[in-house]
């Protein structure tokens, strides 16, 4: 997905808001969005990735 596309950014923002993600998780989602081909695939990738916090 093209993270510079307005509709993709809106989907990512909705995902961030609904899941109440922290800064590290948001960065991970953006990285995963660039390699995902759809929002469904992005959600699947998020489930497989382990979010790690520095603190």
PDB file of N, CA and C in Angstrom:
ATOM      1  N   UNK A   1       0.843  -1.173   0.000  1.00  0.00           N
ATOM      2  CA  UNK A   1       0.000   0.000   0.000  1.00  0.00           C
ATOM      3  C   UNK A   1       0.888   1.234   0.000  1.00  0.00           C
ATOM      4  N   UNK A   2       0.421   2.234  -0.679  1.00  0.00           N
ATOM      5  CA  UNK A   2       1.162   3.487  -0.750  1.00  0.00           C
ATOM      6  C   UNK A   2       0.785   4.351   0.448  1.00  0.00           C
ATOM      7  N   UNK A   3       1.704   4.512   1.391  1.00  0.00           N
ATOM      8  CA  UNK A   3       1.407   5.279   2.603  1.00  0.00           C
ATOM      9  C   UNK A   3       1.261   6.771   2.329  1.00  0.00           C
ATOM     10  N   UNK A   4       1.564   7.221   1.134  1.00  0.00           N
ATOM     11  CA  UNK A   4       1.375   8.626   0.771  1.00  0.00           C
ATOM     12  C   UNK A   4      -0.019   8.880   0.213  1.00  0.00           C
ATOM     13  N   UNK A   5      -0.798   7.825  -0.003  1.00  0.00           N
ATOM     14  CA  UNK A   5      -2.157   7.952  -0.518  1.00  0.00           C
ATOM     15  C   UNK A   5      -3.102   8.347   0.616  1.00  0.00           C
ATOM     16  N   UNK A   6      -3.991   9.279   0.355  1.00  0.00           N
ATOM     17  CA  UNK A   6      -4.887   9.801   1.398  1.00  0.00           C
ATOM     18  C   UNK A   6      -5.801   8.714   1.968  1.00  0.00           C
ATOM     19  N   UNK A   7      -6.317   7.830   1.117  1.00  0.00           N
ATOM     20  CA  UNK A   7      -7.222   6.787   1.614  1.00  0.00           C
ATOM     21  C   UNK A   7      -6.482   5.781   2.487  1.00  0.00           C
ATOM     22  N   UNK A   8      -5.233   5.495   2.150  1.00  0.00           N
ATOM     23  CA  UNK A   8      -4.426   4.584   2.958  1.00  0.00           C
ATOM     24  C   UNK A   8      -4.112   5.221   4.305  1.00  0.00           C
ATOM     25  N   UNK A   9      -3.766   6.499   4.289  1.00  0.00           N
ATOM     26  CA  UNK A   9      -3.503   7.208   5.545  1.00  0.00           C
ATOM     27  C   UNK A   9      -4.733   7.238   6.434  1.00  0.00           C
ATOM     28  N   UNK A  10      -5.903   7.392   5.837  1.00  0.00           N
ATOM     29  CA  UNK A  10      -7.137   7.393   6.607  1.00  0.00           C
ATOM     30  C   UNK A  10      -7.376   6.023   7.254  1.00  0.00           C
ATOM     31  N   UNK A  11      -7.123   4.950   6.508  1.00  0.00           N
ATOM     32  CA  UNK A  11      -7.277   3.603   7.065  1.00  0.00           C
ATOM     33  C   UNK A  11      -6.291   3.361   8.204  1.00  0.00           C
ATOM     34  N   UNK A  12      -5.049   3.810   8.021  1.00  0.00           N
ATOM     35  CA  UNK A  12      -4.035   3.657   9.073  1.00  0.00           C
ATOM     36  C   UNK A  12      -4.434   4.465  10.305  1.00  0.00           C
ATOM     37  N   UNK A  13      -4.912   5.685  10.107  1.00  0.00           N
ATOM     38  CA  UNK A  13      -5.343   6.516  11.230  1.00  0.00           C
ATOM     39  C   UNK A  13      -6.502   5.875  11.986  1.00  0.00           C
ATOM     40  N   UNK A  14      -7.449   5.296  11.252  1.00  0.00           N
ATOM     41  CA  UNK A  14      -8.570   4.610  11.903  1.00  0.00           C
ATOM     42  C   UNK A  14      -8.085   3.411  12.701  1.00  0.00           C
ATOM     43  N   UNK A  15      -7.123   2.682  12.164  1.00  0.00           N
ATOM     44  CA  UNK A  15      -6.550   1.528  12.853  1.00  0.00           C
ATOM     45  C   UNK A  15      -5.826   1.969  14.124  1.00  0.00           C
ATOM     46  N   UNK A  16      -5.057   3.043  14.014  1.00  0.00           N
ATOM     47  CA  UNK A  16      -4.324   3.574  15.171  1.00  0.00           C
ATOM     48  C   UNK A  16      -5.305   4.014  16.262  1.00  0.00           C
ATOM     49  N   UNK A  17      -6.360   4.702  15.864  1.00  0.00           N
ATOM     50  CA  UNK A  17      -7.329   5.205  16.839  1.00  0.00           C
ATOM     51  C   UNK A  17      -8.123   4.076  17.479  1.00  0.00           C
ATOM     52  N   UNK A  18      -8.532   3.107  16.683  1.00  0.00           N
ATOM     53  CA  UNK A  18      -9.370   2.033  17.230  1.00  0.00           C
ATOM     54  C   UNK A  18      -8.581   1.104  18.141  1.00  0.00           C
ATOM     55  N   UNK A  19      -7.300   0.892  17.845  1.00  0.00           N
ATOM     56  CA  UNK A  19      -6.481  -0.009  18.661  1.00  0.00           C
ATOM     57  C   UNK A  19      -5.678   0.732  19.725  1.00  0.00           C
ATOM     58  N   UNK A  20      -5.776   2.064  19.736  1.00  0.00           N
ATOM     59  CA  UNK A  20      -5.075   2.904  20.724  1.00  0.00           C
ATOM     60  C   UNK A  20      -3.589   2.540  20.802  1.00  0.00           C
ATOM     61  N   UNK A  21      -2.921   2.648  19.663  1.00  0.00           N
ATOM     62  CA  UNK A  21      -1.523   2.256  19.559  1.00  0.00           C
ATOM     63  C   UNK A  21      -0.596   3.320  20.131  1.00  0.00           C
ATOM     64  N   UNK A  22       0.551   2.874  20.669  1.00  0.00           N
ATOM     65  CA  UNK A  22       1.551   3.821  21.157  1.00  0.00           C
ATOM     66  C   UNK A  22       2.499   4.189  20.003  1.00  0.00           C
ATOM     67  N   UNK A  23       3.479   5.036  20.280  1.00  0.00           N
ATOM     68  CA  UNK A  23       4.370   5.536  19.223  1.00  0.00           C
ATOM     69  C   UNK A  23       5.122   4.416  18.510  1.00  0.00           C
ATOM     70  N   UNK A  24       5.641   3.472  19.270  1.00  0.00           N
ATOM     71  CA  UNK A  24       6.393   2.369  18.650  1.00  0.00           C
ATOM     72  C   UNK A  24       5.486   1.511  17.779  1.00  0.00           C
ATOM     73  N   UNK A  25       4.284   1.268  18.222  1.00  0.00           N
ATOM     74  CA  UNK A  25       3.338   0.476  17.449  1.00  0.00           C
ATOM     75  C   UNK A  25       2.926   1.207  16.174  1.00  0.00           C
ATOM     76  N   UNK A  26       2.788   2.514  16.264  1.00  0.00           N
ATOM     77  CA  UNK A  26       2.429   3.310  15.085  1.00  0.00           C
ATOM     78  C   UNK A  26       3.525   3.208  14.029  1.00  0.00           C
ATOM     79  N   UNK A  27       4.777   3.328  14.451  1.00  0.00           N
ATOM     80  CA  UNK A  27       5.891   3.203  13.508  1.00  0.00           C
ATOM     81  C   UNK A  27       5.913   1.820  12.865  1.00  0.00           C
ATOM     82  N   UNK A  28       5.626   0.793  13.654  1.00  0.00           N
ATOM     83  CA  UNK A  28       5.588  -0.570  13.128  1.00  0.00           C
ATOM     84  C   UNK A  28       4.460  -0.724  12.104  1.00  0.00           C
ATOM     85  N   UNK A  29       3.301  -0.141  12.388  1.00  0.00           N
ATOM     86  CA  UNK A  29       2.174  -0.218  11.463  1.00  0.00           C
ATOM     87  C   UNK A  29       2.516   0.461  10.145  1.00  0.00           C
ATOM     88  N   UNK A  30       3.150   1.615  10.206  1.00  0.00           N
ATOM     89  CA  UNK A  30       3.523   2.326   8.981  1.00  0.00           C
ATOM     90  C   UNK A  30       4.521   1.504   8.167  1.00  0.00           C
ATOM     91  N   UNK A  31       5.481   0.882   8.845  1.00  0.00           N
ATOM     92  CA  UNK A  31       6.435   0.026   8.136  1.00  0.00           C
ATOM     93  C   UNK A  31       5.736  -1.168   7.509  1.00  0.00           C
ATOM     94  N   UNK A  32       4.814  -1.772   8.224  1.00  0.00           N
ATOM     95  CA  UNK A  32       4.090  -2.919   7.689  1.00  0.00           C
ATOM     96  C   UNK A  32       3.152  -2.517   6.558  1.00  0.00           C
ATOM     97  N   UNK A  33       2.611  -1.314   6.623  1.00  0.00           N
ATOM     98  CA  UNK A  33       1.709  -0.841   5.571  1.00  0.00           C
ATOM     99  C   UNK A  33       2.422  -0.750   4.233  1.00  0.00           C
ATOM    100  N   UNK A  34       3.684  -0.382   4.262  1.00  0.00           N
ATOM    101  CA  UNK A  34       4.416  -0.231   3.002  1.00  0.00           C
ATOM    102  C   UNK A  34       4.664  -1.572   2.312  1.00  0.00           C
ATOM    103  N   UNK A  35       4.629  -2.682   3.072  1.00  0.00           N
ATOM    104  CA  UNK A  35       4.845  -3.998   2.454  1.00  0.00           C
ATOM    105  C   UNK A  35       3.555  -4.796   2.305  1.00  0.00           C
ATOM    106  N   UNK A  36       2.444  -4.248   2.791  1.00  0.00           N
ATOM    107  CA  UNK A  36       1.152  -4.918   2.691  1.00  0.00           C
ATOM    108  C   UNK A  36       0.424  -4.432   1.448  1.00  0.00           C
ATOM    109  N   UNK A  37      -0.373  -5.320   0.872  1.00  0.00           N
ATOM    110  CA  UNK A  37      -1.094  -4.938  -0.341  1.00  0.00           C
ATOM    111  C   UNK A  37      -2.536  -4.519  -0.073  1.00  0.00           C
ATOM    112  N   UNK A  38      -3.032  -4.766   1.136  1.00  0.00           N
ATOM    113  CA  UNK A  38      -4.393  -4.367   1.487  1.00  0.00           C
ATOM    114  C   UNK A  38      -4.493  -4.186   2.996  1.00  0.00           C
ATOM    115  N   UNK A  39      -5.614  -3.605   3.432  1.00  0.00           N
ATOM    116  CA  UNK A  39      -5.807  -3.400   4.858  1.00  0.00           C
ATOM    117  C   UNK A  39      -5.952  -4.745   5.569  1.00  0.00           C
ATOM    118  N   UNK A  40      -6.543  -5.723   4.900  1.00  0.00           N
ATOM    119  CA  UNK A  40      -6.687  -7.062   5.485  1.00  0.00           C
ATOM    120  C   UNK A  40      -5.312  -7.689   5.700  1.00  0.00           C
ATOM    121  N   UNK A  41      -4.458  -7.566   4.716  1.00  0.00           N
ATOM    122  CA  UNK A  41      -3.100  -8.097   4.835  1.00  0.00           C
ATOM    123  C   UNK A  41      -2.320  -7.352   5.910  1.00  0.00           C
ATOM    124  N   UNK A  42      -2.538  -6.048   6.023  1.00  0.00           N
ATOM    125  CA  UNK A  42      -1.878  -5.261   7.065  1.00  0.00           C
ATOM    126  C   UNK A  42      -2.284  -5.764   8.443  1.00  0.00           C
ATOM    127  N   UNK A  43      -3.567  -5.995   8.646  1.00  0.00           N
ATOM    128  CA  UNK A  43      -4.044  -6.492   9.937  1.00  0.00           C
ATOM    129  C   UNK A  43      -3.466  -7.878  10.235  1.00  0.00           C
ATOM    130  N   UNK A  44      -3.368  -8.720   9.213  1.00  0.00           N
ATOM    131  CA  UNK A  44      -2.750 -10.045   9.397  1.00  0.00           C
ATOM    132  C   UNK A  44      -1.281  -9.909   9.775  1.00  0.00           C
ATOM    133  N   UNK A  45      -0.569  -9.003   9.107  1.00  0.00           N
ATOM    134  CA  UNK A  45       0.842  -8.782   9.415  1.00  0.00           C
ATOM    135  C   UNK A  45       1.031  -8.256  10.834  1.00  0.00           C
ATOM    136  N   UNK A  46       0.113  -7.398  11.267  1.00  0.00           N
ATOM    137  CA  UNK A  46       0.189  -6.859  12.623  1.00  0.00           C
ATOM    138  C   UNK A  46       0.034  -7.982  13.640  1.00  0.00           C
ATOM    139  N   UNK A  47      -0.874  -8.903  13.365  1.00  0.00           N
ATOM    140  CA  UNK A  47      -1.085 -10.027  14.287  1.00  0.00           C
ATOM    141  C   UNK A  47       0.177 -10.878  14.412  1.00  0.00           C
ATOM    142  N   UNK A  48       0.919 -11.017  13.327  1.00  0.00           N
ATOM    143  CA  UNK A  48       2.126 -11.854  13.339  1.00  0.00           C
ATOM    144  C   UNK A  48       3.319 -11.145  13.951  1.00  0.00           C
ATOM    145  N   UNK A  49       3.331  -9.831  13.874  1.00  0.00           N
ATOM    146  CA  UNK A  49       4.451  -9.072  14.423  1.00  0.00           C
ATOM    147  C   UNK A  49       4.264  -8.868  15.924  1.00  0.00           C
ATOM    148  N   UNK A  50       5.312  -8.910  16.651  1.00  0.00           N
ATOM    149  CA  UNK A  50       5.268  -8.626  18.077  1.00  0.00           C
ATOM    150  C   UNK A  50       5.651  -7.182  18.286  1.00  0.00           C
ATOM    151  N   UNK A  51       4.750  -6.440  18.903  1.00  0.00           N
ATOM    152  CA  UNK A  51       5.058  -5.061  19.210  1.00  0.00           C
ATOM    153  C   UNK A  51       5.933  -5.029  20.445  1.00  0.00           C
ATOM    154  N   UNK A  52       7.051  -4.359  20.347  1.00  0.00           N
ATOM    155  CA  UNK A  52       7.967  -4.250  21.467  1.00  0.00           C
ATOM    156  C   UNK A  52       8.102  -2.792  21.864  1.00  0.00           C
ATOM    157  N   UNK A  53       7.997  -2.559  23.118  1.00  0.00           N
ATOM    158  CA  UNK A  53       8.155  -1.213  23.633  1.00  0.00           C
ATOM    159  C   UNK A  53       9.542  -1.075  24.254  1.00  0.00           C
ATOM    160  N   UNK A  54      10.139   0.098  24.145  1.00  0.00           N
ATOM    161  CA  UNK A  54      11.465   0.331  24.728  1.00  0.00           C
ATOM    162  C   UNK A  54      11.394   0.366  26.250  1.00  0.00           C
ATOM    163  N   UNK A  55      10.228   0.655  26.789  1.00  0.00           N
ATOM    164  CA  UNK A  55      10.105   0.858  28.231  1.00  0.00           C
ATOM    165  C   UNK A  55       9.381  -0.266  28.904  1.00  0.00           C
TER     166      UNK A  55
END
